Amino acid sequence: MTQVKEIVAKLNEFFPEAIATEGDPVGLQIGSLEAPVTKVMTTLDVRPNVVDEAIERGVDLIISHHPLIFRPVDNLDYSDPQKAMYAKIIAHGITVYSIHTNSDKAQDGSSDWQAQELGLERVAPFALDKDGIAIGRQGFLPKAMTARDFAEYVKEKMGVDMVRLITADEAKPISKVAFVCGDGNKFWRQALKDDCDAYITGDVYYHTGHDMISSGLTVVDPGHYTEKLFKYEVAKRLQHWQKAAGWQTEILISEVSTDPFHNIF
């Protein structure tokens, strides 16, 4: 029977834990590497509805992008919904493994998947981490377009209901763009240094938006949930490795949304 450690070893080949940003709690979150696996499920987040789904579908191993445990747990008081979720995971013998910034930084990882999704050309590294590995990508659009049209382009390519456009001039021509998956607010000034016309990132703060406009940079914020791309792409790779290695496992993709926001138009 396939064990967690066999799948983790393959994942670590392509998304090495060693390249994760310092302090990022990637890797085994709950469970045992020795545990047997019959069903694997990929997800962006591990939330109570995802855990319920995993239990209902008989999942042994959850592979998530966002780490289950970001901060140390000082107790398991079940009155806290987060801690009650940990207890439910343990009670049902589910193992959780997370691949976060090591997916963003890996070759053919989250950043490259997003560059492909956006149709960027002449793709290059963007925003080097402390270890010299880029956490984002930059490249050129297939054709130049206005800032307003660029926002619509991002909305369509990333399959979201809405985006936020931050710009002083909606007619500004956009050709060279950069992005960091998820929340990349701290890297926007690097886009200016790299002479990018626009930057894409989620979770832009109000006052940061003002600073971006003052700097002359155009920014499109499509939200954080665009990283859902992770669960589909990792499932594809697991299915490929499953056939090659002969794993006796079923690969599932979480069907529930963990987006905390409901867009009302």
Protein backbone atom coordinates (compact mmCIF):
# COMPACT_ATOMS: atom_id res chain seq x y z
CA MET A 1 0.00 0.00 0.00
CA THR A 2 1.19 3.53 -0.78
CA GLN A 3 2.41 5.54 2.21
CA VAL A 4 2.41 9.28 2.79
CA LYS A 5 6.21 9.37 2.67
CA GLU A 6 6.25 8.10 -0.94
CA ILE A 7 4.02 10.91 -2.13
CA VAL A 8 5.80 13.52 -0.01
CA ALA A 9 9.19 12.43 -1.38
CA LYS A 10 7.96 13.07 -4.92
CA LEU A 11 6.42 16.41 -3.99
CA ASN A 12 9.64 17.44 -2.28
CA GLU A 13 11.56 16.65 -5.46
CA PHE A 14 9.62 19.27 -7.38
CA PHE A 15 8.68 21.65 -4.55
CA PRO A 16 11.62 21.36 -2.13
CA GLU A 17 10.78 22.34 1.43
CA ALA A 18 14.31 23.77 1.64
CA ILE A 19 13.49 26.65 -0.73
CA ALA A 20 10.46 27.88 1.21
CA THR A 21 10.75 31.42 2.54
CA GLU A 22 12.39 31.53 5.96
CA GLY A 23 9.80 30.99 8.67
CA ASP A 24 7.14 29.63 6.31
CA PRO A 25 5.68 26.54 8.04
CA VAL A 26 5.56 24.18 5.05
CA GLY A 27 5.65 20.39 5.05
CA LEU A 28 3.94 17.89 7.34
CA GLN A 29 1.32 19.68 9.43
CA ILE A 30 -0.62 16.85 11.07
CA GLY A 31 -0.30 13.07 10.78
CA SER A 32 2.42 10.56 9.98
CA LEU A 33 4.67 9.98 7.01
CA GLU A 34 4.23 6.27 7.64
CA ALA A 35 0.45 6.39 7.26
CA PRO A 36 -1.13 4.45 4.38
CA VAL A 37 -2.91 6.44 1.66
CA THR A 38 -5.82 5.37 -0.51
CA LYS A 39 -7.21 8.82 -1.33
CA VAL A 40 -5.40 12.15 -1.72
CA MET A 41 -7.22 15.48 -1.99
CA THR A 42 -5.69 18.78 -3.11
CA THR A 43 -6.98 22.12 -1.82
CA LEU A 44 -6.00 25.77 -1.51
CA ASP A 45 -6.93 26.02 2.19
CA VAL A 46 -7.71 23.60 4.99
CA ARG A 47 -10.92 24.93 6.51
CA PRO A 48 -13.72 23.14 8.41
CA ASN A 49 -15.78 22.65 5.24
CA VAL A 50 -12.74 21.13 3.50
CA VAL A 51 -12.15 18.75 6.43
CA ASP A 52 -15.83 17.70 6.37
CA GLU A 53 -15.51 17.09 2.64
CA ALA A 54 -12.36 15.01 3.17
CA ILE A 55 -14.10 12.87 5.80
CA GLU A 56 -17.15 12.38 3.60
CA ARG A 57 -14.98 11.33 0.64
CA GLY A 58 -12.75 9.02 2.68
CA VAL A 59 -9.56 11.06 2.16
CA ASP A 60 -6.38 9.98 4.00
CA LEU A 61 -4.06 12.78 2.83
CA ILE A 62 -4.83 16.46 2.22
CA ILE A 63 -2.29 18.47 0.24
CA SER A 64 -2.84 22.20 0.68
CA HIS A 65 -1.18 25.36 -0.56
CA HIS A 66 -1.75 27.47 2.54
CA PRO A 67 -0.29 25.86 5.68
CA LEU A 68 -2.84 24.50 8.13
CA ILE A 69 -0.89 25.77 11.14
CA PHE A 70 0.66 29.22 10.70
CA ARG A 71 1.30 29.84 14.39
CA PRO A 72 2.21 27.54 17.29
CA VAL A 73 -0.80 25.97 19.04
CA ASP A 74 -0.75 26.42 22.82
CA ASN A 75 -3.72 24.16 23.57
CA LEU A 76 -6.51 22.17 21.93
CA ASP A 77 -9.51 23.90 23.43
CA TYR A 78 -12.41 22.63 21.30
CA SER A 79 -14.42 25.80 21.88
CA ASP A 80 -12.07 27.41 19.34
CA PRO A 81 -13.31 26.37 15.85
CA GLN A 82 -9.77 26.24 14.47
CA LYS A 83 -8.57 23.92 17.21
CA ALA A 84 -11.71 21.82 16.99
CA MET A 85 -10.85 21.35 13.31
CA TYR A 86 -7.36 20.09 14.23
CA ALA A 87 -8.96 17.57 16.60
CA LYS A 88 -11.35 16.36 13.90
CA ILE A 89 -8.44 15.85 11.48
CA ILE A 90 -6.57 13.79 14.09
CA ALA A 91 -9.66 11.81 15.12
CA HIS A 92 -10.24 10.73 11.52
CA GLY A 93 -6.61 9.80 10.89
CA ILE A 94 -6.07 12.36 8.13
CA THR A 95 -2.57 13.58 7.29
CA VAL A 96 -2.11 17.17 6.12
CA TYR A 97 0.89 18.31 4.08
CA SER A 98 1.35 21.92 2.88
CA ILE A 99 3.35 23.39 -0.01
CA HIS A 100 3.35 27.18 0.18
CA THR A 101 6.20 29.51 -0.83
CA ASN A 102 8.18 26.51 -2.05
CA SER A 103 5.48 26.15 -4.71
CA ASP A 104 5.67 29.87 -5.56
CA LYS A 105 9.46 29.67 -5.94
CA ALA A 106 9.78 26.28 -7.64
CA GLN A 107 10.44 25.93 -11.35
CA ASP A 108 7.14 24.95 -12.96
CA GLY A 109 5.37 25.88 -9.73
CA SER A 110 2.65 28.35 -8.82
CA SER A 111 4.34 31.40 -10.33
CA ASP A 112 4.96 29.69 -13.67
CA TRP A 113 1.40 28.34 -13.73
CA GLN A 114 0.07 31.86 -13.23
CA ALA A 115 2.36 33.25 -15.93
CA GLN A 116 0.93 30.66 -18.33
CA GLU A 117 -2.61 31.47 -17.24
CA LEU A 118 -1.96 35.15 -17.98
CA GLY A 119 -0.42 34.34 -21.36
CA LEU A 120 2.80 36.21 -20.57
CA GLU A 121 5.72 36.10 -22.99
CA ARG A 122 9.47 36.38 -22.31
CA VAL A 123 8.84 35.36 -18.72
CA ALA A 124 11.64 36.13 -16.25
CA PRO A 125 12.19 35.91 -12.46
CA PHE A 126 10.75 38.67 -10.28
CA ALA A 127 11.28 39.58 -6.61
CA LEU A 128 14.21 37.57 -5.30
CA ASP A 129 13.87 36.01 -1.85
CA LYS A 130 16.76 35.99 0.62
CA ASP A 131 18.14 32.81 -0.95
CA GLY A 132 18.27 34.42 -4.39
CA ILE A 133 15.31 32.44 -5.75
CA ALA A 134 12.50 34.47 -7.29
CA ILE A 135 9.10 34.31 -5.62
CA GLY A 136 7.27 35.90 -8.58
CA ARG A 137 7.52 36.36 -12.33
CA GLN A 138 7.52 39.20 -14.86
CA GLY A 139 6.88 39.21 -18.58
CA PHE A 140 5.16 40.89 -21.49
CA LEU A 141 1.55 40.82 -22.56
CA PRO A 142 0.80 39.38 -26.04
CA LYS A 143 -0.08 42.96 -27.02
CA ALA A 144 -0.07 46.35 -25.32
CA MET A 145 -3.37 47.55 -23.88
CA THR A 146 -4.75 50.30 -21.68
CA ALA A 147 -4.80 49.93 -17.90
CA ARG A 148 -8.59 49.54 -17.99
CA ASP A 149 -8.39 46.84 -20.68
CA PHE A 150 -5.57 45.16 -18.75
CA ALA A 151 -7.80 44.91 -15.67
CA GLU A 152 -10.49 43.26 -17.81
CA TYR A 153 -7.85 40.96 -19.30
CA VAL A 154 -6.70 39.80 -15.85
CA LYS A 155 -10.31 39.28 -14.79
CA GLU A 156 -10.99 37.07 -17.80
CA LYS A 157 -7.74 35.09 -17.71
CA MET A 158 -7.88 34.40 -13.99
CA GLY A 159 -11.58 33.55 -14.04
CA VAL A 160 -12.72 35.90 -11.29
CA ASP A 161 -15.93 37.89 -10.87
CA MET A 162 -14.17 41.17 -10.20
CA VAL A 163 -10.78 42.86 -9.89
CA ARG A 164 -9.71 46.13 -8.31
CA LEU A 165 -7.85 48.53 -10.58
CA ILE A 166 -5.41 50.92 -8.89
CA THR A 167 -4.13 53.53 -11.31
CA ALA A 168 -3.88 57.25 -11.86
CA ASP A 169 -4.69 56.85 -15.55
CA GLU A 170 -7.01 54.20 -17.00
CA ALA A 171 -5.64 54.95 -20.48
CA LYS A 172 -2.03 54.26 -19.49
CA PRO A 173 -0.44 51.75 -21.92
CA ILE A 174 0.49 48.43 -20.32
CA SER A 175 2.98 46.01 -21.82
CA LYS A 176 5.43 44.74 -19.19
CA VAL A 177 3.87 43.30 -16.04
CA ALA A 178 4.98 41.52 -12.87
CA PHE A 179 3.16 39.54 -10.22
CA VAL A 180 3.52 37.64 -6.97
CA CYS A 181 0.89 35.01 -6.23
CA GLY A 182 -1.46 35.71 -3.32
CA ASP A 183 -0.44 38.66 -1.14
CA GLY A 184 2.66 40.28 -2.65
CA ASN A 185 2.17 43.79 -1.30
CA LYS A 186 5.73 44.10 -0.03
CA PHE A 187 7.16 43.58 -3.54
CA TRP A 188 5.34 46.30 -5.49
CA ARG A 189 8.26 48.73 -5.40
CA GLN A 190 10.38 46.08 -7.11
CA ALA A 191 7.99 46.31 -10.07
CA LEU A 192 8.93 49.99 -10.37
CA LYS A 193 12.65 49.17 -10.19
CA ASP A 194 12.19 46.62 -12.97
CA ASP A 195 10.42 49.20 -15.17
CA CYS A 196 7.15 47.28 -15.19
CA ASP A 197 4.04 49.08 -16.35
CA ALA A 198 1.76 47.13 -14.03
CA TYR A 199 1.78 44.76 -11.10
CA ILE A 200 -0.70 42.04 -10.13
CA THR A 201 -1.21 40.95 -6.54
CA GLY A 202 -3.99 40.25 -4.07
CA ASP A 203 -4.96 41.89 -0.79
CA VAL A 204 -3.83 45.45 -1.57
CA TYR A 205 -4.34 47.66 1.46
CA TYR A 206 -6.10 51.04 1.22
CA HIS A 207 -3.11 53.23 2.09
CA THR A 208 -0.76 51.09 0.03
CA GLY A 209 -3.09 51.68 -2.91
CA HIS A 210 -2.59 55.45 -2.50
CA ASP A 211 1.19 54.97 -2.46
CA MET A 212 1.01 52.89 -5.63
CA ILE A 213 -0.95 55.58 -7.43
CA SER A 214 1.49 58.29 -6.28
CA SER A 215 4.40 56.24 -7.62
CA GLY A 216 2.84 55.97 -11.08
CA LEU A 217 2.49 52.19 -10.92
CA THR A 218 -0.71 50.55 -12.14
CA VAL A 219 -1.86 47.60 -10.02
CA VAL A 220 -4.59 45.02 -10.52
CA ASP A 221 -5.82 43.16 -7.45
CA PRO A 222 -7.75 40.00 -8.44
CA GLY A 223 -7.98 38.78 -4.84
CA HIS A 224 -6.17 35.98 -3.03
CA TYR A 225 -8.43 33.12 -4.06
CA THR A 226 -6.89 33.08 -7.55
CA GLU A 227 -4.31 30.75 -6.00
CA LYS A 228 -6.96 28.01 -6.31
CA LEU A 229 -5.01 27.17 -9.46
CA PHE A 230 -2.72 25.22 -7.10
CA LYS A 231 -5.21 22.44 -6.37
CA TYR A 232 -5.78 21.69 -10.06
CA GLU A 233 -2.13 21.81 -11.10
CA VAL A 234 -0.86 19.70 -8.21
CA ALA A 235 -3.61 17.13 -8.86
CA LYS A 236 -2.42 16.88 -12.49
CA ARG A 237 1.10 16.15 -11.36
CA LEU A 238 -0.04 13.63 -8.76
CA GLN A 239 -2.03 11.79 -11.41
CA HIS A 240 1.03 11.68 -13.66
CA TRP A 241 3.31 10.41 -10.87
CA GLN A 242 0.65 7.94 -9.74
CA LYS A 243 0.73 6.18 -13.11
CA ALA A 244 4.52 6.19 -13.27
CA ALA A 245 5.03 4.92 -9.71
CA GLY A 246 2.03 2.61 -9.54
CA TRP A 247 0.59 4.25 -6.43
CA GLN A 248 -2.61 2.55 -5.30
CA THR A 249 -4.30 5.87 -4.64
CA GLU A 250 -7.17 7.97 -5.94
CA ILE A 251 -6.45 11.66 -6.61
CA LEU A 252 -9.27 14.06 -5.77
CA ILE A 253 -9.65 17.84 -6.00
CA SER A 254 -11.57 19.68 -3.29
CA GLU A 255 -14.90 20.84 -4.66
CA VAL A 256 -15.73 23.39 -1.96
CA SER A 257 -14.87 27.08 -2.10
CA THR A 258 -12.76 28.50 0.69
CA ASP A 259 -13.01 32.07 -0.58
CA PRO A 260 -14.14 34.10 2.49
CA PHE A 261 -15.52 36.89 0.30
CA HIS A 262 -18.85 37.04 -1.54
CA ASN A 263 -18.83 39.65 -4.26
CA ILE A 264 -22.12 41.56 -4.37
CA PHE A 265 -22.71 43.54 -7.59
